[in-house]
């Protein structure tokens, strides 16, 4: 079995956890975050990290749409 990993996977996961992929990059880090997003778009491993991290948010959005108050 071949292990597939990326040296930037943890960096992408940290940025996602901080909400930086949702246009909330800290002042002065916009270019670095944009480059990290571009990397995730072109890297299969990091792209999967972004995809999986977005699943809970998508499920929350669907659940909220179904709630009637």
N, C-alpha and C. Protein backbone atom coordinates (compact mmCIF):
# COMPACT_ATOMS: atom_id res chain seq x y z
N UNK A 1 0.84 -1.18 0.00
CA UNK A 1 0.00 0.00 0.00
C UNK A 1 0.89 1.24 0.00
N UNK A 2 0.57 2.19 -0.85
CA UNK A 2 1.34 3.42 -0.95
C UNK A 2 0.70 4.50 -0.10
N UNK A 3 1.51 5.17 0.70
CA UNK A 3 1.02 6.29 1.49
C UNK A 3 1.16 7.56 0.68
N UNK A 4 0.07 8.29 0.57
CA UNK A 4 0.08 9.55 -0.16
C UNK A 4 -0.11 10.66 0.87
N UNK A 5 0.83 11.59 0.87
CA UNK A 5 0.70 12.72 1.78
C UNK A 5 1.29 13.96 1.14
N UNK A 6 1.09 15.07 1.78
CA UNK A 6 1.61 16.35 1.31
C UNK A 6 2.20 17.08 2.50
N UNK A 7 3.33 17.70 2.29
CA UNK A 7 4.00 18.44 3.36
C UNK A 7 3.17 19.64 3.83
N UNK A 8 2.22 20.08 3.01
CA UNK A 8 1.42 21.27 3.37
C UNK A 8 0.05 20.92 3.93
N UNK A 9 -0.23 19.63 4.09
CA UNK A 9 -1.55 19.19 4.56
C UNK A 9 -1.90 19.81 5.92
N UNK A 10 -0.97 19.80 6.84
CA UNK A 10 -1.23 20.37 8.17
C UNK A 10 -1.47 21.87 8.09
N UNK A 11 -0.72 22.54 7.24
CA UNK A 11 -0.89 23.99 7.05
C UNK A 11 -2.29 24.30 6.51
N UNK A 12 -2.75 23.50 5.55
CA UNK A 12 -4.09 23.68 5.00
C UNK A 12 -5.14 23.43 6.09
N UNK A 13 -4.98 22.35 6.85
CA UNK A 13 -5.92 22.02 7.92
C UNK A 13 -5.97 23.14 8.97
N UNK A 14 -4.82 23.68 9.34
CA UNK A 14 -4.77 24.78 10.31
C UNK A 14 -5.49 26.02 9.77
N UNK A 15 -5.27 26.34 8.51
CA UNK A 15 -5.93 27.50 7.91
C UNK A 15 -7.44 27.30 7.87
N UNK A 16 -7.87 26.11 7.56
CA UNK A 16 -9.31 25.82 7.56
C UNK A 16 -9.90 25.97 8.95
N UNK A 17 -9.20 25.44 9.95
CA UNK A 17 -9.68 25.52 11.33
C UNK A 17 -9.81 26.96 11.79
N UNK A 18 -8.93 27.82 11.29
CA UNK A 18 -8.97 29.23 11.66
C UNK A 18 -9.98 30.03 10.82
N UNK A 19 -10.58 29.38 9.83
CA UNK A 19 -11.57 30.05 8.99
C UNK A 19 -10.97 30.89 7.88
N UNK A 20 -9.69 30.70 7.61
CA UNK A 20 -9.01 31.53 6.60
C UNK A 20 -9.44 31.20 5.19
N UNK A 21 -9.99 30.03 4.95
CA UNK A 21 -10.44 29.69 3.61
C UNK A 21 -11.79 30.32 3.31
N UNK A 22 -12.41 30.92 4.32
CA UNK A 22 -13.69 31.61 4.16
C UNK A 22 -13.49 33.11 4.06
N UNK A 23 -12.43 33.54 3.42
CA UNK A 23 -12.11 34.95 3.24
C UNK A 23 -11.92 35.70 4.55
N UNK A 24 -11.43 35.02 5.56
CA UNK A 24 -11.18 35.66 6.85
C UNK A 24 -9.69 35.65 7.18
N UNK A 25 -8.86 35.78 6.16
CA UNK A 25 -7.41 35.77 6.38
C UNK A 25 -7.01 36.98 7.21
N UNK A 26 -6.08 36.81 8.11
CA UNK A 26 -5.65 37.94 8.92
C UNK A 26 -4.94 39.00 8.06
N UNK A 27 -5.02 40.23 8.50
CA UNK A 27 -4.38 41.33 7.78
C UNK A 27 -2.90 41.03 7.59
N UNK A 28 -2.43 41.23 6.38
CA UNK A 28 -1.04 40.99 6.07
C UNK A 28 -0.75 39.57 5.60
N UNK A 29 -1.72 38.66 5.74
CA UNK A 29 -1.51 37.28 5.33
C UNK A 29 -2.35 36.89 4.12
N UNK A 30 -3.00 37.87 3.52
CA UNK A 30 -3.91 37.58 2.41
C UNK A 30 -3.21 36.86 1.26
N UNK A 31 -2.02 37.31 0.89
CA UNK A 31 -1.30 36.68 -0.22
C UNK A 31 -0.90 35.25 0.11
N UNK A 32 -0.44 35.03 1.33
CA UNK A 32 -0.04 33.68 1.74
C UNK A 32 -1.24 32.74 1.75
N UNK A 33 -2.38 33.23 2.21
CA UNK A 33 -3.58 32.40 2.24
C UNK A 33 -4.08 32.14 0.83
N UNK A 34 -4.00 33.13 -0.04
CA UNK A 34 -4.39 32.94 -1.44
C UNK A 34 -3.51 31.89 -2.10
N UNK A 35 -2.23 31.91 -1.79
CA UNK A 35 -1.31 30.91 -2.35
C UNK A 35 -1.62 29.53 -1.80
N UNK A 36 -1.99 29.46 -0.52
CA UNK A 36 -2.34 28.18 0.09
C UNK A 36 -3.62 27.63 -0.54
N UNK A 37 -4.58 28.50 -0.80
CA UNK A 37 -5.81 28.06 -1.49
C UNK A 37 -5.49 27.53 -2.87
N UNK A 38 -4.61 28.24 -3.59
CA UNK A 38 -4.22 27.80 -4.93
C UNK A 38 -3.53 26.42 -4.85
N UNK A 39 -2.70 26.25 -3.84
CA UNK A 39 -2.05 24.95 -3.65
C UNK A 39 -3.11 23.86 -3.43
N UNK A 40 -4.06 24.12 -2.54
CA UNK A 40 -5.10 23.13 -2.25
C UNK A 40 -5.92 22.80 -3.49
N UNK A 41 -6.11 23.78 -4.37
CA UNK A 41 -6.84 23.54 -5.61
C UNK A 41 -6.10 22.60 -6.55
N UNK A 42 -4.77 22.59 -6.45
CA UNK A 42 -3.97 21.77 -7.37
C UNK A 42 -3.41 20.50 -6.74
N UNK A 43 -3.59 20.32 -5.45
CA UNK A 43 -3.03 19.16 -4.74
C UNK A 43 -4.18 18.23 -4.34
N UNK A 44 -4.11 16.99 -4.78
CA UNK A 44 -5.18 16.03 -4.48
C UNK A 44 -5.36 15.83 -2.98
N UNK A 45 -4.27 15.71 -2.25
CA UNK A 45 -4.34 15.47 -0.80
C UNK A 45 -4.97 16.67 -0.09
N UNK A 46 -4.45 17.86 -0.36
CA UNK A 46 -4.97 19.06 0.31
C UNK A 46 -6.38 19.41 -0.17
N UNK A 47 -6.67 19.12 -1.41
CA UNK A 47 -8.03 19.32 -1.92
C UNK A 47 -9.02 18.45 -1.17
N UNK A 48 -8.62 17.22 -0.86
CA UNK A 48 -9.48 16.34 -0.07
C UNK A 48 -9.68 16.87 1.34
N UNK A 49 -8.63 17.45 1.92
CA UNK A 49 -8.74 18.05 3.26
C UNK A 49 -9.79 19.16 3.24
N UNK A 50 -9.73 20.01 2.22
CA UNK A 50 -10.71 21.11 2.09
C UNK A 50 -12.11 20.55 1.91
N UNK A 51 -12.24 19.54 1.07
CA UNK A 51 -13.55 18.94 0.80
C UNK A 51 -14.15 18.35 2.07
N UNK A 52 -13.38 17.57 2.79
CA UNK A 52 -13.88 16.93 4.00
C UNK A 52 -14.19 17.96 5.08
N UNK A 53 -13.37 18.97 5.21
CA UNK A 53 -13.60 20.01 6.22
C UNK A 53 -14.87 20.78 5.93
N UNK A 54 -15.24 20.91 4.65
CA UNK A 54 -16.44 21.65 4.29
C UNK A 54 -17.73 20.87 4.47
N UNK A 55 -17.63 19.57 4.62
CA UNK A 55 -18.83 18.75 4.74
C UNK A 55 -19.70 19.12 5.95
N UNK A 56 -19.13 19.26 7.15
CA UNK A 56 -19.98 19.63 8.29
C UNK A 56 -20.69 20.97 8.07
N UNK A 57 -20.03 21.95 7.46
CA UNK A 57 -20.66 23.24 7.20
C UNK A 57 -21.82 23.07 6.23
N UNK A 58 -21.64 22.28 5.18
CA UNK A 58 -22.70 22.06 4.21
C UNK A 58 -23.89 21.37 4.87
N UNK A 59 -23.62 20.40 5.73
CA UNK A 59 -24.70 19.71 6.43
C UNK A 59 -25.44 20.66 7.37
N UNK A 60 -24.71 21.55 8.03
CA UNK A 60 -25.32 22.55 8.91
C UNK A 60 -26.24 23.47 8.11
N UNK A 61 -25.77 23.90 6.93
CA UNK A 61 -26.58 24.78 6.10
C UNK A 61 -27.88 24.11 5.66
N UNK A 62 -27.78 22.84 5.30
CA UNK A 62 -28.99 22.09 4.90
C UNK A 62 -29.93 21.95 6.08
N UNK A 63 -29.41 21.62 7.25
CA UNK A 63 -30.24 21.45 8.43
C UNK A 63 -30.93 22.75 8.81
N UNK A 64 -30.22 23.85 8.73
CA UNK A 64 -30.81 25.15 9.05
C UNK A 64 -31.93 25.51 8.08
N UNK A 65 -31.78 25.14 6.82
CA UNK A 65 -32.80 25.43 5.83
C UNK A 65 -34.07 24.66 6.11
N UNK A 66 -33.93 23.49 6.74
CA UNK A 66 -35.08 22.64 7.06
C UNK A 66 -35.80 23.03 8.34
N UNK A 67 -35.18 23.83 9.18
CA UNK A 67 -35.75 24.21 10.48
C UNK A 67 -36.85 25.25 10.28
N UNK A 68 -37.97 25.00 10.91
CA UNK A 68 -39.06 25.96 10.88
C UNK A 68 -39.29 26.48 12.29
N UNK A 69 -39.25 27.78 12.41
CA UNK A 69 -39.41 28.39 13.74
C UNK A 69 -40.75 29.09 13.82
